[in-house]
N, C-alpha and C. Protein backbone atom coordinates (compact mmCIF):
# COMPACT_ATOMS: atom_id res chain seq x y z
N MET A 1 8.49 -12.53 12.89
CA MET A 1 7.54 -12.35 11.79
C MET A 1 6.12 -12.38 12.36
N THR A 2 5.28 -11.56 11.77
CA THR A 2 3.91 -11.42 12.23
C THR A 2 2.97 -11.60 11.05
N THR A 3 1.90 -12.36 11.24
CA THR A 3 0.92 -12.56 10.18
C THR A 3 -0.02 -11.37 10.12
N ILE A 4 -0.10 -10.76 8.94
CA ILE A 4 -1.02 -9.65 8.66
C ILE A 4 -1.89 -10.07 7.49
N ILE A 5 -3.18 -9.77 7.58
CA ILE A 5 -4.11 -10.12 6.50
C ILE A 5 -4.54 -8.84 5.81
N PHE A 6 -4.23 -8.73 4.52
CA PHE A 6 -4.61 -7.58 3.72
C PHE A 6 -5.86 -7.92 2.92
N LYS A 7 -6.89 -7.11 3.05
CA LYS A 7 -8.07 -7.23 2.19
C LYS A 7 -7.89 -6.23 1.07
N GLN A 8 -7.64 -6.76 -0.12
CA GLN A 8 -7.34 -5.93 -1.27
C GLN A 8 -8.61 -5.31 -1.85
N LYS A 9 -8.46 -4.33 -2.73
CA LYS A 9 -9.60 -3.62 -3.31
C LYS A 9 -10.54 -4.54 -4.07
N ASN A 10 -10.02 -5.64 -4.60
CA ASN A 10 -10.87 -6.59 -5.34
C ASN A 10 -11.62 -7.54 -4.41
N GLY A 11 -11.46 -7.35 -3.09
CA GLY A 11 -12.14 -8.18 -2.11
C GLY A 11 -11.35 -9.39 -1.66
N GLU A 12 -10.30 -9.73 -2.38
CA GLU A 12 -9.47 -10.89 -2.03
C GLU A 12 -8.65 -10.60 -0.78
N LYS A 13 -8.59 -11.58 0.12
CA LYS A 13 -7.75 -11.46 1.31
C LYS A 13 -6.45 -12.21 1.07
N LYS A 14 -5.36 -11.58 1.48
CA LYS A 14 -4.05 -12.19 1.32
C LYS A 14 -3.31 -12.11 2.65
N SER A 15 -2.94 -13.25 3.17
CA SER A 15 -2.20 -13.34 4.43
C SER A 15 -0.71 -13.32 4.12
N VAL A 16 0.03 -12.43 4.82
CA VAL A 16 1.47 -12.33 4.59
C VAL A 16 2.21 -12.42 5.91
N MET A 17 3.45 -12.82 5.84
CA MET A 17 4.35 -12.81 6.99
C MET A 17 5.16 -11.52 6.89
N ALA A 18 4.90 -10.61 7.83
CA ALA A 18 5.56 -9.30 7.82
C ALA A 18 6.70 -9.30 8.84
N GLU A 19 7.80 -8.69 8.45
CA GLU A 19 8.95 -8.62 9.34
C GLU A 19 8.74 -7.56 10.42
N ASN A 20 8.89 -7.96 11.66
CA ASN A 20 8.76 -7.03 12.78
C ASN A 20 9.77 -5.90 12.65
N GLY A 21 9.32 -4.69 12.97
CA GLY A 21 10.19 -3.52 12.90
C GLY A 21 10.08 -2.76 11.60
N LEU A 22 9.48 -3.38 10.59
CA LEU A 22 9.27 -2.70 9.32
C LEU A 22 7.82 -2.22 9.25
N SER A 23 7.51 -1.41 8.27
CA SER A 23 6.15 -0.86 8.15
C SER A 23 5.22 -1.82 7.41
N LEU A 24 3.92 -1.59 7.60
CA LEU A 24 2.93 -2.35 6.83
C LEU A 24 3.12 -2.11 5.34
N MET A 25 3.54 -0.91 4.96
CA MET A 25 3.76 -0.60 3.55
C MET A 25 4.84 -1.50 2.95
N VAL A 26 5.94 -1.67 3.68
CA VAL A 26 7.02 -2.54 3.19
C VAL A 26 6.49 -3.96 3.03
N ALA A 27 5.75 -4.44 4.01
CA ALA A 27 5.18 -5.79 3.93
C ALA A 27 4.26 -5.91 2.72
N ALA A 28 3.47 -4.88 2.47
CA ALA A 28 2.54 -4.90 1.34
C ALA A 28 3.29 -4.92 0.01
N VAL A 29 4.28 -4.06 -0.12
CA VAL A 29 5.05 -3.98 -1.37
C VAL A 29 5.80 -5.29 -1.61
N GLU A 30 6.44 -5.81 -0.56
CA GLU A 30 7.21 -7.06 -0.70
C GLU A 30 6.32 -8.25 -1.08
N ASN A 31 5.03 -8.16 -0.76
CA ASN A 31 4.11 -9.27 -1.03
C ASN A 31 3.10 -8.95 -2.12
N ASN A 32 3.39 -7.93 -2.91
CA ASN A 32 2.58 -7.57 -4.08
C ASN A 32 1.10 -7.38 -3.74
N ILE A 33 0.83 -6.63 -2.68
CA ILE A 33 -0.54 -6.35 -2.31
C ILE A 33 -1.10 -5.31 -3.28
N GLU A 34 -2.19 -5.69 -3.94
CA GLU A 34 -2.82 -4.83 -4.92
C GLU A 34 -3.41 -3.60 -4.24
N GLY A 35 -3.11 -2.42 -4.78
CA GLY A 35 -3.68 -1.18 -4.25
C GLY A 35 -2.73 -0.38 -3.38
N ILE A 36 -1.60 -0.94 -3.01
CA ILE A 36 -0.58 -0.20 -2.24
C ILE A 36 0.49 0.24 -3.23
N LYS A 37 0.41 1.50 -3.65
CA LYS A 37 1.35 2.00 -4.66
C LYS A 37 2.65 2.51 -4.04
N ALA A 38 2.57 3.10 -2.86
CA ALA A 38 3.76 3.57 -2.13
C ALA A 38 4.63 4.48 -2.98
N VAL A 39 4.02 5.45 -3.62
CA VAL A 39 4.71 6.35 -4.53
C VAL A 39 5.86 7.09 -3.86
N CYS A 40 5.67 7.54 -2.61
CA CYS A 40 6.72 8.32 -1.93
C CYS A 40 7.70 7.43 -1.16
N ASN A 41 7.58 6.12 -1.29
CA ASN A 41 8.48 5.17 -0.64
C ASN A 41 8.50 5.29 0.88
N GLY A 42 7.37 5.64 1.47
CA GLY A 42 7.28 5.67 2.92
C GLY A 42 7.61 6.99 3.56
N CYS A 43 7.62 8.07 2.81
CA CYS A 43 7.94 9.40 3.35
C CYS A 43 6.72 10.12 3.92
N CYS A 44 5.58 9.46 3.95
CA CYS A 44 4.36 10.03 4.53
C CYS A 44 3.94 11.31 3.84
N SER A 45 3.96 11.28 2.50
CA SER A 45 3.60 12.50 1.78
C SER A 45 2.60 12.31 0.65
N CYS A 46 2.28 11.07 0.29
CA CYS A 46 1.44 10.89 -0.90
C CYS A 46 0.08 10.26 -0.62
N GLY A 47 -0.05 9.47 0.40
CA GLY A 47 -1.32 8.82 0.71
C GLY A 47 -1.64 7.60 -0.13
N THR A 48 -0.70 7.12 -0.94
CA THR A 48 -0.98 5.97 -1.79
C THR A 48 -0.81 4.63 -1.09
N CYS A 49 -0.63 4.67 0.22
CA CYS A 49 -0.58 3.44 1.02
C CYS A 49 -1.68 3.47 2.08
N HIS A 50 -2.76 4.18 1.76
CA HIS A 50 -3.88 4.35 2.68
C HIS A 50 -4.55 3.00 2.96
N VAL A 51 -4.73 2.71 4.24
CA VAL A 51 -5.40 1.48 4.67
C VAL A 51 -6.35 1.83 5.82
N SER A 52 -7.20 0.88 6.13
CA SER A 52 -8.06 1.00 7.31
C SER A 52 -7.72 -0.17 8.22
N ILE A 53 -7.49 0.14 9.48
CA ILE A 53 -7.13 -0.86 10.48
C ILE A 53 -8.39 -1.32 11.19
N GLU A 54 -8.55 -2.64 11.37
CA GLU A 54 -9.74 -3.13 12.06
C GLU A 54 -9.78 -2.57 13.48
N SER A 55 -10.98 -2.31 13.97
CA SER A 55 -11.18 -1.57 15.22
C SER A 55 -10.45 -2.17 16.42
N SER A 56 -10.41 -3.48 16.53
CA SER A 56 -9.78 -4.09 17.71
C SER A 56 -8.27 -3.88 17.76
N PHE A 57 -7.66 -3.41 16.67
CA PHE A 57 -6.21 -3.18 16.63
C PHE A 57 -5.85 -1.70 16.59
N GLN A 58 -6.81 -0.82 16.43
CA GLN A 58 -6.51 0.60 16.25
C GLN A 58 -5.73 1.19 17.41
N GLU A 59 -6.05 0.80 18.61
CA GLU A 59 -5.38 1.37 19.79
C GLU A 59 -3.98 0.82 20.04
N ILE A 60 -3.63 -0.28 19.40
CA ILE A 60 -2.32 -0.88 19.68
C ILE A 60 -1.32 -0.73 18.53
N THR A 61 -1.73 -0.07 17.45
CA THR A 61 -0.77 0.21 16.39
C THR A 61 0.13 1.35 16.83
N SER A 62 1.24 1.52 16.14
CA SER A 62 2.15 2.62 16.47
C SER A 62 1.39 3.94 16.37
N PRO A 63 1.71 4.91 17.22
CA PRO A 63 0.94 6.15 17.28
C PRO A 63 1.02 6.97 16.00
N MET A 64 -0.07 7.69 15.72
CA MET A 64 -0.12 8.56 14.56
C MET A 64 0.48 9.91 14.93
N TYR A 65 1.29 10.45 14.05
CA TYR A 65 1.83 11.78 14.30
C TYR A 65 1.14 12.78 13.38
N SER A 66 1.34 14.06 13.62
CA SER A 66 0.59 15.11 12.93
C SER A 66 0.76 15.09 11.41
N GLY A 67 1.92 14.74 10.91
CA GLY A 67 2.15 14.69 9.46
C GLY A 67 1.26 13.65 8.79
N GLU A 68 1.11 12.51 9.42
CA GLU A 68 0.24 11.47 8.88
C GLU A 68 -1.21 11.95 8.87
N GLN A 69 -1.62 12.58 9.95
CA GLN A 69 -2.98 13.10 10.04
C GLN A 69 -3.24 14.13 8.94
N GLN A 70 -2.27 14.97 8.65
CA GLN A 70 -2.41 15.98 7.60
C GLN A 70 -2.62 15.33 6.24
N VAL A 71 -1.86 14.29 5.93
CA VAL A 71 -2.02 13.59 4.65
C VAL A 71 -3.40 12.93 4.60
N LEU A 72 -3.80 12.28 5.68
CA LEU A 72 -5.10 11.59 5.70
C LEU A 72 -6.27 12.55 5.49
N THR A 73 -6.18 13.77 6.02
CA THR A 73 -7.29 14.71 5.86
C THR A 73 -7.48 15.15 4.41
N GLN A 74 -6.47 14.95 3.59
CA GLN A 74 -6.56 15.30 2.17
C GLN A 74 -7.22 14.20 1.33
N LEU A 75 -7.44 13.03 1.91
CA LEU A 75 -7.99 11.89 1.17
C LEU A 75 -9.51 11.87 1.27
N ASN A 76 -10.17 11.60 0.15
CA ASN A 76 -11.63 11.56 0.10
C ASN A 76 -12.22 10.41 0.90
N ASN A 77 -11.51 9.31 1.00
CA ASN A 77 -12.05 8.12 1.66
C ASN A 77 -11.47 7.91 3.06
N ASN A 78 -11.07 8.99 3.70
CA ASN A 78 -10.56 8.95 5.07
C ASN A 78 -11.71 8.55 6.01
N GLU A 79 -11.43 7.66 6.95
CA GLU A 79 -12.45 7.22 7.91
C GLU A 79 -11.80 6.97 9.26
N ALA A 80 -12.60 6.57 10.23
CA ALA A 80 -12.13 6.42 11.62
C ALA A 80 -10.88 5.54 11.74
N GLY A 81 -10.78 4.43 11.05
CA GLY A 81 -9.64 3.52 11.18
C GLY A 81 -8.53 3.78 10.18
N SER A 82 -8.60 4.90 9.45
CA SER A 82 -7.61 5.17 8.41
C SER A 82 -6.22 5.39 8.98
N ARG A 83 -5.25 4.83 8.29
CA ARG A 83 -3.83 5.03 8.58
C ARG A 83 -3.08 4.98 7.25
N LEU A 84 -1.87 5.48 7.27
CA LEU A 84 -0.95 5.28 6.15
C LEU A 84 -0.09 4.08 6.52
N ALA A 85 -0.07 3.09 5.65
CA ALA A 85 0.66 1.85 5.95
C ALA A 85 2.14 2.11 6.19
N CYS A 86 2.67 3.18 5.63
CA CYS A 86 4.09 3.49 5.83
C CYS A 86 4.39 3.94 7.25
N GLN A 87 3.36 4.27 8.03
CA GLN A 87 3.55 4.77 9.38
C GLN A 87 3.18 3.76 10.47
N VAL A 88 2.69 2.60 10.08
CA VAL A 88 2.32 1.56 11.04
C VAL A 88 3.44 0.52 11.07
N ILE A 89 4.07 0.41 12.22
CA ILE A 89 5.21 -0.50 12.38
C ILE A 89 4.71 -1.85 12.87
N VAL A 90 5.15 -2.89 12.20
CA VAL A 90 4.75 -4.27 12.53
C VAL A 90 5.46 -4.74 13.79
N ASP A 91 4.69 -5.33 14.69
CA ASP A 91 5.27 -6.03 15.84
C ASP A 91 4.34 -7.17 16.24
N ASP A 92 4.79 -7.99 17.19
CA ASP A 92 4.06 -9.20 17.58
C ASP A 92 2.62 -8.95 17.99
N LYS A 93 2.33 -7.81 18.60
CA LYS A 93 0.98 -7.55 19.08
C LYS A 93 -0.03 -7.36 17.95
N LEU A 94 0.44 -7.25 16.71
CA LEU A 94 -0.45 -7.09 15.56
C LEU A 94 -0.76 -8.42 14.88
N GLU A 95 -0.34 -9.52 15.47
CA GLU A 95 -0.56 -10.86 14.91
C GLU A 95 -2.03 -11.05 14.54
N GLY A 96 -2.27 -11.39 13.27
CA GLY A 96 -3.62 -11.69 12.79
C GLY A 96 -4.45 -10.46 12.43
N MET A 97 -3.86 -9.28 12.48
CA MET A 97 -4.60 -8.05 12.17
C MET A 97 -5.04 -8.03 10.70
N GLN A 98 -6.27 -7.58 10.49
CA GLN A 98 -6.76 -7.41 9.12
C GLN A 98 -6.67 -5.94 8.75
N VAL A 99 -6.11 -5.69 7.59
CA VAL A 99 -5.90 -4.35 7.06
C VAL A 99 -6.67 -4.25 5.74
N ILE A 100 -7.52 -3.24 5.62
CA ILE A 100 -8.30 -3.05 4.39
C ILE A 100 -7.60 -1.99 3.55
N VAL A 101 -7.23 -2.36 2.33
CA VAL A 101 -6.56 -1.44 1.41
C VAL A 101 -7.60 -0.49 0.85
N LYS A 102 -7.32 0.79 0.96
CA LYS A 102 -8.25 1.81 0.48
C LYS A 102 -7.83 2.27 -0.90
């Protein structure tokens, strides 16, 4: 289990224990993180699990593939640290990472 800190849209931070090997989206849904709708259930097609990864963790998250990049380019609030939570796999190296819900 890895501790992930979600900063929700209302500004509240919520620390959760995420199961390694699962996605940030699953951790968010299982812990009722406000703002993660996950409409497509992790199929990387809707963008409703859009998050921003803090800069010190961007290089060590699971790699982004072209499908994720395509979805992100369709979002108005896409930025340098943007990722889809359904595509970021939790592992020990992400311990203490802060994720901003977009």
